[in-house]
Amino acid sequence: RALNDLDNGITYINAPTIGAEAHLPFGGVKATGNGHREGGWEVYEFYSETKVGYVDFSGTLQRAQIDNY
Protein backbone atom coordinates (compact mmCIF):
# COMPACT_ATOMS: atom_id res chain seq x y z
CA ARG A 1 0.00 0.00 0.00
CA ALA A 2 2.83 2.41 0.83
CA LEU A 3 4.31 2.20 -2.68
CA ASN A 4 0.99 3.23 -4.20
CA ASP A 5 0.58 6.19 -1.84
CA LEU A 6 4.10 7.59 -2.25
CA ASP A 7 4.84 10.11 -5.00
CA ASN A 8 8.56 9.76 -5.57
CA GLY A 9 11.06 8.52 -8.11
CA ILE A 10 12.75 5.49 -6.57
CA THR A 11 11.55 3.54 -3.55
CA TYR A 12 13.22 0.66 -1.75
CA ILE A 13 11.54 -0.90 1.26
CA ASN A 14 13.81 -2.62 3.79
CA ALA A 15 16.72 -2.40 1.35
CA PRO A 16 19.35 0.21 0.42
CA THR A 17 19.64 1.69 -3.04
CA ILE A 18 22.16 -0.53 -4.76
CA GLY A 19 23.06 1.46 -7.86
CA ALA A 20 20.97 -0.77 -10.10
CA GLU A 21 19.07 2.29 -11.25
CA ALA A 22 22.14 4.07 -12.66
CA HIS A 23 20.77 3.73 -16.21
CA LEU A 24 17.68 5.74 -15.29
CA PRO A 25 17.52 9.54 -15.36
CA PHE A 26 17.04 10.91 -11.87
CA GLY A 27 16.92 14.50 -10.70
CA GLY A 28 14.31 14.46 -7.99
CA VAL A 29 10.53 14.65 -7.90
CA LYS A 30 8.48 17.84 -7.70
CA ALA A 31 10.52 20.50 -5.81
CA THR A 32 13.35 18.13 -4.81
CA GLY A 33 16.58 17.48 -6.64
CA ASN A 34 18.84 19.90 -8.45
CA GLY A 35 16.94 20.03 -11.74
CA HIS A 36 19.41 17.92 -13.72
CA ARG A 37 18.42 14.52 -14.96
CA GLU A 38 21.72 13.02 -15.99
CA GLY A 39 21.17 9.37 -16.55
CA GLY A 40 20.42 6.83 -19.19
CA TRP A 41 22.78 4.79 -21.32
CA GLU A 42 24.03 7.91 -23.13
CA VAL A 43 25.66 9.08 -19.89
CA TYR A 44 27.75 5.93 -19.70
CA GLU A 45 29.11 6.66 -23.17
CA PHE A 46 29.67 10.36 -22.45
CA TYR A 47 31.54 9.85 -19.17
CA SER A 48 33.41 6.68 -20.16
CA GLU A 49 36.62 6.06 -22.04
CA THR A 50 36.93 2.81 -23.95
CA LYS A 51 40.10 0.84 -23.28
CA VAL A 52 41.21 -2.52 -24.62
CA GLY A 53 43.24 -5.11 -22.78
CA TYR A 54 44.63 -8.41 -24.01
CA VAL A 55 45.34 -11.46 -21.88
CA ASP A 56 47.69 -14.18 -23.12
CA PHE A 57 46.52 -17.56 -21.88
CA SER A 58 49.23 -19.54 -23.69
CA GLY A 59 51.26 -20.03 -20.51
CA THR A 60 54.53 -19.05 -22.23
CA LEU A 61 56.65 -15.99 -21.59
CA GLN A 62 56.31 -13.52 -24.46
CA ARG A 63 58.87 -10.96 -25.54
CA ALA A 64 57.64 -7.36 -25.41
CA GLN A 65 56.82 -6.02 -28.86
CA ILE A 66 58.63 -2.68 -28.73
CA ASP A 67 60.01 -0.90 -31.78
CA ASN A 68 63.66 0.07 -31.33
CA TYR A 69 64.37 3.42 -32.93
PDB file of N, CA and C in Angstrom:
ATOM      1  N   ARG A   1       0.819  -1.188   0.000  1.00  0.00           N
ATOM      2  CA  ARG A   1       0.000   0.000   0.000  1.00  0.00           C
ATOM      3  C   ARG A   1       0.865   1.254   0.000  1.00  0.00           C
ATOM      4  N   ALA A   2       1.972   1.224   0.730  1.00  0.00           N
ATOM      5  CA  ALA A   2       2.828   2.409   0.825  1.00  0.00           C
ATOM      6  C   ALA A   2       3.372   2.821  -0.537  1.00  0.00           C
ATOM      7  N   LEU A   3       3.777   1.866  -1.358  1.00  0.00           N
ATOM      8  CA  LEU A   3       4.307   2.203  -2.682  1.00  0.00           C
ATOM      9  C   LEU A   3       3.283   2.931  -3.538  1.00  0.00           C
ATOM     10  N   ASN A   4       2.034   2.566  -3.421  1.00  0.00           N
ATOM     11  CA  ASN A   4       0.989   3.227  -4.203  1.00  0.00           C
ATOM     12  C   ASN A   4       0.702   4.631  -3.699  1.00  0.00           C
ATOM     13  N   ASP A   5       0.883   4.877  -2.422  1.00  0.00           N
ATOM     14  CA  ASP A   5       0.576   6.186  -1.844  1.00  0.00           C
ATOM     15  C   ASP A   5       1.729   7.178  -1.953  1.00  0.00           C
ATOM     16  N   LEU A   6       2.942   6.703  -2.165  1.00  0.00           N
ATOM     17  CA  LEU A   6       4.103   7.587  -2.253  1.00  0.00           C
ATOM     18  C   LEU A   6       4.212   8.183  -3.650  1.00  0.00           C
ATOM     19  N   ASP A   7       4.632   9.442  -3.717  1.00  0.00           N
ATOM     20  CA  ASP A   7       4.843  10.114  -4.996  1.00  0.00           C
ATOM     21  C   ASP A   7       6.319  10.482  -5.073  1.00  0.00           C
ATOM     22  N   ASN A   8       7.121   9.530  -5.484  1.00  0.00           N
ATOM     23  CA  ASN A   8       8.559   9.762  -5.570  1.00  0.00           C
ATOM     24  C   ASN A   8       9.130   8.964  -6.726  1.00  0.00           C
ATOM     25  N   GLY A   9      10.423   9.158  -6.965  1.00  0.00           N
ATOM     26  CA  GLY A   9      11.063   8.522  -8.111  1.00  0.00           C
ATOM     27  C   GLY A   9      11.453   7.083  -7.870  1.00  0.00           C
ATOM     28  N   ILE A  10      12.237   6.828  -6.839  1.00  0.00           N
ATOM     29  CA  ILE A  10      12.746   5.490  -6.565  1.00  0.00           C
ATOM     30  C   ILE A  10      12.441   5.141  -5.123  1.00  0.00           C
ATOM     31  N   THR A  11      11.893   3.961  -4.907  1.00  0.00           N
ATOM     32  CA  THR A  11      11.553   3.536  -3.553  1.00  0.00           C
ATOM     33  C   THR A  11      12.070   2.133  -3.299  1.00  0.00           C
ATOM     34  N   TYR A  12      12.815   1.974  -2.229  1.00  0.00           N
ATOM     35  CA  TYR A  12      13.221   0.657  -1.755  1.00  0.00           C
ATOM     36  C   TYR A  12      12.659   0.495  -0.351  1.00  0.00           C
ATOM     37  N   ILE A  13      12.065  -0.627  -0.077  1.00  0.00           N
ATOM     38  CA  ILE A  13      11.541  -0.900   1.259  1.00  0.00           C
ATOM     39  C   ILE A  13      12.385  -1.993   1.885  1.00  0.00           C
ATOM     40  N   ASN A  14      12.944  -1.693   3.068  1.00  0.00           N
ATOM     41  CA  ASN A  14      13.810  -2.620   3.790  1.00  0.00           C
ATOM     42  C   ASN A  14      15.031  -3.032   2.977  1.00  0.00           C
ATOM     43  N   ALA A  15      15.529  -2.126   2.137  1.00  0.00           N
ATOM     44  CA  ALA A  15      16.724  -2.403   1.349  1.00  0.00           C
ATOM     45  C   ALA A  15      17.360  -1.075   0.942  1.00  0.00           C
ATOM     46  N   PRO A  16      18.681  -1.022   0.852  1.00  0.00           N
ATOM     47  CA  PRO A  16      19.347   0.207   0.417  1.00  0.00           C
ATOM     48  C   PRO A  16      19.280   0.345  -1.099  1.00  0.00           C
ATOM     49  N   THR A  17      19.497   1.549  -1.592  1.00  0.00           N
ATOM     50  CA  THR A  17      19.643   1.694  -3.037  1.00  0.00           C
ATOM     51  C   THR A  17      20.973   1.062  -3.402  1.00  0.00           C
ATOM     52  N   ILE A  18      20.979   0.267  -4.435  1.00  0.00           N
ATOM     53  CA  ILE A  18      22.160  -0.527  -4.757  1.00  0.00           C
ATOM     54  C   ILE A  18      22.869  -0.073  -6.017  1.00  0.00           C
ATOM     55  N   GLY A  19      22.430   0.997  -6.635  1.00  0.00           N
ATOM     56  CA  GLY A  19      23.060   1.461  -7.859  1.00  0.00           C
ATOM     57  C   GLY A  19      22.510   0.793  -9.105  1.00  0.00           C
ATOM     58  N   ALA A  20      21.541  -0.087  -8.948  1.00  0.00           N
ATOM     59  CA  ALA A  20      20.972  -0.774 -10.104  1.00  0.00           C
ATOM     60  C   ALA A  20      20.183   0.176 -10.992  1.00  0.00           C
ATOM     61  N   GLU A  21      19.860   1.339 -10.474  1.00  0.00           N
ATOM     62  CA  GLU A  21      19.070   2.293 -11.246  1.00  0.00           C
ATOM     63  C   GLU A  21      19.939   3.337 -11.932  1.00  0.00           C
ATOM     64  N   ALA A  22      21.233   3.080 -12.071  1.00  0.00           N
ATOM     65  CA  ALA A  22      22.137   4.071 -12.660  1.00  0.00           C
ATOM     66  C   ALA A  22      21.786   4.386 -14.108  1.00  0.00           C
ATOM     67  N   HIS A  23      21.136   3.493 -14.814  1.00  0.00           N
ATOM     68  CA  HIS A  23      20.775   3.725 -16.206  1.00  0.00           C
ATOM     69  C   HIS A  23      19.527   4.591 -16.349  1.00  0.00           C
ATOM     70  N   LEU A  24      18.894   4.934 -15.240  1.00  0.00           N
ATOM     71  CA  LEU A  24      17.676   5.737 -15.291  1.00  0.00           C
ATOM     72  C   LEU A  24      17.976   7.198 -14.990  1.00  0.00           C
ATOM     73  N   PRO A  25      17.330   8.128 -15.695  1.00  0.00           N
ATOM     74  CA  PRO A  25      17.522   9.535 -15.357  1.00  0.00           C
ATOM     75  C   PRO A  25      16.895   9.841 -14.008  1.00  0.00           C
ATOM     76  N   PHE A  26      17.592  10.573 -13.165  1.00  0.00           N
ATOM     77  CA  PHE A  26      17.040  10.911 -11.870  1.00  0.00           C
ATOM     78  C   PHE A  26      17.503  12.301 -11.469  1.00  0.00           C
ATOM     79  N   GLY A  27      16.588  13.165 -11.145  1.00  0.00           N
ATOM     80  CA  GLY A  27      16.923  14.501 -10.701  1.00  0.00           C
ATOM     81  C   GLY A  27      15.995  14.975  -9.610  1.00  0.00           C
ATOM     82  N   GLY A  28      15.240  14.086  -9.044  1.00  0.00           N
ATOM     83  CA  GLY A  28      14.309  14.465  -7.993  1.00  0.00           C
ATOM     84  C   GLY A  28      12.875  14.458  -8.498  1.00  0.00           C
ATOM     85  N   VAL A  29      11.955  14.617  -7.580  1.00  0.00           N
ATOM     86  CA  VAL A  29      10.528  14.648  -7.898  1.00  0.00           C
ATOM     87  C   VAL A  29       9.946  15.929  -7.322  1.00  0.00           C
ATOM     88  N   LYS A  30       9.109  16.572  -8.094  1.00  0.00           N
ATOM     89  CA  LYS A  30       8.482  17.841  -7.695  1.00  0.00           C
ATOM     90  C   LYS A  30       9.551  18.879  -7.365  1.00  0.00           C
ATOM     91  N   ALA A  31       9.585  19.421  -6.146  1.00  0.00           N
ATOM     92  CA  ALA A  31      10.519  20.496  -5.810  1.00  0.00           C
ATOM     93  C   ALA A  31      11.856  19.980  -5.275  1.00  0.00           C
ATOM     94  N   THR A  32      12.085  18.669  -5.305  1.00  0.00           N
ATOM     95  CA  THR A  32      13.351  18.133  -4.814  1.00  0.00           C
ATOM     96  C   THR A  32      14.340  17.985  -5.955  1.00  0.00           C
ATOM     97  N   GLY A  33      15.552  17.680  -5.627  1.00  0.00           N
ATOM     98  CA  GLY A  33      16.581  17.482  -6.641  1.00  0.00           C
ATOM     99  C   GLY A  33      17.204  18.794  -7.058  1.00  0.00           C
ATOM    100  N   ASN A  34      18.132  18.704  -7.998  1.00  0.00           N
ATOM    101  CA  ASN A  34      18.838  19.902  -8.454  1.00  0.00           C
ATOM    102  C   ASN A  34      18.425  20.313  -9.858  1.00  0.00           C
ATOM    103  N   GLY A  35      17.432  19.652 -10.431  1.00  0.00           N
ATOM    104  CA  GLY A  35      16.940  20.032 -11.745  1.00  0.00           C
ATOM    105  C   GLY A  35      17.591  19.295 -12.894  1.00  0.00           C
ATOM    106  N   HIS A  36      18.723  18.649 -12.654  1.00  0.00           N
ATOM    107  CA  HIS A  36      19.408  17.918 -13.720  1.00  0.00           C
ATOM    108  C   HIS A  36      18.969  16.467 -13.706  1.00  0.00           C
ATOM    109  N   ARG A  37      18.826  15.918 -14.863  1.00  0.00           N
ATOM    110  CA  ARG A  37      18.417  14.518 -14.962  1.00  0.00           C
ATOM    111  C   ARG A  37      19.447  13.746 -15.776  1.00  0.00           C
ATOM    112  N   GLU A  38      20.688  13.797 -15.314  1.00  0.00           N
ATOM    113  CA  GLU A  38      21.720  13.024 -15.994  1.00  0.00           C
ATOM    114  C   GLU A  38      21.513  11.559 -15.685  1.00  0.00           C
ATOM    115  N   GLY A  39      21.377  10.793 -16.692  1.00  0.00           N
ATOM    116  CA  GLY A  39      21.173   9.365 -16.547  1.00  0.00           C
ATOM    117  C   GLY A  39      20.897   8.768 -17.909  1.00  0.00           C
ATOM    118  N   GLY A  40      20.653   7.515 -17.932  1.00  0.00           N
ATOM    119  CA  GLY A  40      20.420   6.829 -19.189  1.00  0.00           C
ATOM    120  C   GLY A  40      21.718   6.271 -19.742  1.00  0.00           C
ATOM    121  N   TRP A  41      21.588   5.442 -20.749  1.00  0.00           N
ATOM    122  CA  TRP A  41      22.777   4.785 -21.317  1.00  0.00           C
ATOM    123  C   TRP A  41      23.698   5.784 -21.994  1.00  0.00           C
ATOM    124  N   GLU A  42      23.195   6.912 -22.481  1.00  0.00           N
ATOM    125  CA  GLU A  42      24.034   7.911 -23.129  1.00  0.00           C
ATOM    126  C   GLU A  42      25.075   8.471 -22.167  1.00  0.00           C
ATOM    127  N   VAL A  43      24.728   8.551 -20.886  1.00  0.00           N
ATOM    128  CA  VAL A  43      25.657   9.083 -19.892  1.00  0.00           C
ATOM    129  C   VAL A  43      26.857   8.162 -19.730  1.00  0.00           C
ATOM    130  N   TYR A  44      26.623   6.857 -19.777  1.00  0.00           N
ATOM    131  CA  TYR A  44      27.750   5.925 -19.696  1.00  0.00           C
ATOM    132  C   TYR A  44      28.741   6.198 -20.819  1.00  0.00           C
ATOM    133  N   GLU A  45      28.232   6.408 -22.036  1.00  0.00           N
ATOM    134  CA  GLU A  45      29.112   6.658 -23.171  1.00  0.00           C
ATOM    135  C   GLU A  45      29.812   8.010 -23.032  1.00  0.00           C
ATOM    136  N   PHE A  46      29.105   9.025 -22.566  1.00  0.00           N
ATOM    137  CA  PHE A  46      29.673  10.364 -22.450  1.00  0.00           C
ATOM    138  C   PHE A  46      30.787  10.418 -21.412  1.00  0.00           C
ATOM    139  N   TYR A  47      30.591   9.767 -20.269  1.00  0.00           N
ATOM    140  CA  TYR A  47      31.545   9.847 -19.174  1.00  0.00           C
ATOM    141  C   TYR A  47      32.558   8.702 -19.163  1.00  0.00           C
ATOM    142  N   SER A  48      32.512   7.839 -20.152  1.00  0.00           N
ATOM    143  CA  SER A  48      33.406   6.680 -20.160  1.00  0.00           C
ATOM    144  C   SER A  48      34.452   6.814 -21.248  1.00  0.00           C
ATOM    145  N   GLU A  49      35.564   6.137 -21.049  1.00  0.00           N
ATOM    146  CA  GLU A  49      36.617   6.060 -22.043  1.00  0.00           C
ATOM    147  C   GLU A  49      36.860   4.582 -22.318  1.00  0.00           C
ATOM    148  N   THR A  50      36.764   4.208 -23.583  1.00  0.00           N
ATOM    149  CA  THR A  50      36.934   2.811 -23.951  1.00  0.00           C
ATOM    150  C   THR A  50      38.408   2.447 -23.946  1.00  0.00           C
ATOM    151  N   LYS A  51      38.728   1.352 -23.306  1.00  0.00           N
ATOM    152  CA  LYS A  51      40.096   0.837 -23.280  1.00  0.00           C
ATOM    153  C   LYS A  51      40.050  -0.637 -23.636  1.00  0.00           C
ATOM    154  N   VAL A  52      41.132  -1.121 -24.219  1.00  0.00           N
ATOM    155  CA  VAL A  52      41.208  -2.516 -24.624  1.00  0.00           C
ATOM    156  C   VAL A  52      42.381  -3.163 -23.913  1.00  0.00           C
ATOM    157  N   GLY A  53      42.168  -4.355 -23.416  1.00  0.00           N
ATOM    158  CA  GLY A  53      43.245  -5.109 -22.782  1.00  0.00           C
ATOM    159  C   GLY A  53      43.278  -6.516 -23.348  1.00  0.00           C
ATOM    160  N   TYR A  54      44.472  -7.056 -23.486  1.00  0.00           N
ATOM    161  CA  TYR A  54      44.634  -8.406 -24.009  1.00  0.00           C
ATOM    162  C   TYR A  54      45.255  -9.279 -22.940  1.00  0.00           C
ATOM    163  N   VAL A  55      44.790 -10.501 -22.834  1.00  0.00           N
ATOM    164  CA  VAL A  55      45.336 -11.464 -21.884  1.00  0.00           C
ATOM    165  C   VAL A  55      45.834 -12.663 -22.671  1.00  0.00           C
ATOM    166  N   ASP A  56      47.092 -13.026 -22.443  1.00  0.00           N
ATOM    167  CA  ASP A  56      47.688 -14.179 -23.120  1.00  0.00           C
ATOM    168  C   ASP A  56      47.545 -15.398 -22.221  1.00  0.00           C
ATOM    169  N   PHE A  57      46.755 -16.348 -22.651  1.00  0.00           N
ATOM    170  CA  PHE A  57      46.520 -17.563 -21.876  1.00  0.00           C
ATOM    171  C   PHE A  57      47.389 -18.732 -22.342  1.00  0.00           C
ATOM    172  N   SER A  58      48.424 -18.449 -23.143  1.00  0.00           N
ATOM    173  CA  SER A  58      49.234 -19.537 -23.687  1.00  0.00           C
ATOM    174  C   SER A  58      50.122 -20.188 -22.629  1.00  0.00           C
ATOM    175  N   GLY A  59      50.410 -19.469 -21.553  1.00  0.00           N
ATOM    176  CA  GLY A  59      51.260 -20.026 -20.507  1.00  0.00           C
ATOM    177  C   GLY A  59      52.743 -19.895 -20.798  1.00  0.00           C
ATOM    178  N   THR A  60      53.114 -19.246 -21.903  1.00  0.00           N
ATOM    179  CA  THR A  60      54.525 -19.046 -22.228  1.00  0.00           C
ATOM    180  C   THR A  60      54.885 -17.581 -22.049  1.00  0.00           C
ATOM    181  N   LEU A  61      56.158 -17.347 -21.764  1.00  0.00           N
ATOM    182  CA  LEU A  61      56.651 -15.986 -21.592  1.00  0.00           C
ATOM    183  C   LEU A  61      56.829 -15.347 -22.959  1.00  0.00           C
ATOM    184  N   GLN A  62      56.238 -14.204 -23.170  1.00  0.00           N
ATOM    185  CA  GLN A  62      56.306 -13.522 -24.456  1.00  0.00           C
ATOM    186  C   GLN A  62      57.260 -12.341 -24.371  1.00  0.00           C
ATOM    187  N   ARG A  63      57.978 -12.107 -25.454  1.00  0.00           N
ATOM    188  CA  ARG A  63      58.873 -10.957 -25.535  1.00  0.00           C
ATOM    189  C   ARG A  63      58.033  -9.717 -25.838  1.00  0.00           C
ATOM    190  N   ALA A  64      58.361  -8.614 -25.184  1.00  0.00           N
ATOM    191  CA  ALA A  64      57.639  -7.359 -25.415  1.00  0.00           C
ATOM    192  C   ALA A  64      57.827  -6.915 -26.858  1.00  0.00           C
ATOM    193  N   GLN A  65      56.762  -6.471 -27.474  1.00  0.00           N
ATOM    194  CA  GLN A  65      56.822  -6.015 -28.860  1.00  0.00           C
ATOM    195  C   GLN A  65      57.020  -4.507 -28.862  1.00  0.00           C
ATOM    196  N   ILE A  66      58.283  -4.098 -28.784  1.00  0.00           N
ATOM    197  CA  ILE A  66      58.633  -2.682 -28.734  1.00  0.00           C
ATOM    198  C   ILE A  66      59.517  -2.374 -29.929  1.00  0.00           C
ATOM    199  N   ASP A  67      59.177  -1.316 -30.658  1.00  0.00           N
ATOM    200  CA  ASP A  67      60.013  -0.899 -31.783  1.00  0.00           C
ATOM    201  C   ASP A  67      61.244  -0.193 -31.250  1.00  0.00           C
ATOM    202  N   ASN A  68      62.407  -0.603 -31.703  1.00  0.00           N
ATOM    203  CA  ASN A  68      63.659   0.074 -31.331  1.00  0.00           C
ATOM    204  C   ASN A  68      63.976   1.112 -32.388  1.00  0.00           C
ATOM    205  N   TYR A  69      64.070   2.349 -31.983  1.00  0.00           N
ATOM    206  CA  TYR A  69      64.367   3.425 -32.931  1.00  0.00           C
ATOM    207  C   TYR A  69      65.817   3.788 -32.855  1.00  0.00           C
TER     208      TYR A  69
END
